[in-house]
């Protein structure tokens, strides 16, 4: 089972077990921690989700393997606005998918668009992205016949 509970930073291990965090990652983590400590949060909602079938500039920003499938967090432009959504490559009938959003740097999460995949569509509805370091998204899935849920890494 793959579950991510914290931000991932680029890490390097050096002699005697010391740990170095890449400067940009350390700065981002410090900013998020400072904002969270100050009680700052960005309101997030599942409202306004749309079908991304006609999105342009589509790319996969995060992915993780599942048994016989790949879970993806995708982004693209819909009418000039950036959205994100969940997709499963090689999906099977009965797979469940959703997209999570956090407005406090990953401390709490809201699950959006929980759906069971059937024939014809292997992706969920798209959620508008927000230009804030406190807003993070991740894709989630529970493959049919598998007792575990999977999450991509965070995308903030």
Foldseek 3Di string as FASTA:
>chain_A
DADDQAADFDWDADPPRDIDTPVVRVVLVVVLVVCVVVVHWDDDDQPPWAACPPFPPKDFPWWDDDVVKIKTWMWGDDPRFIWIWIFIGPADFFKWKWKWKTGRQRPDIDTYFTDTDDPDGGIGTIDTDDPDSRIKMWMKIDGPPHPDIHIIHIDD
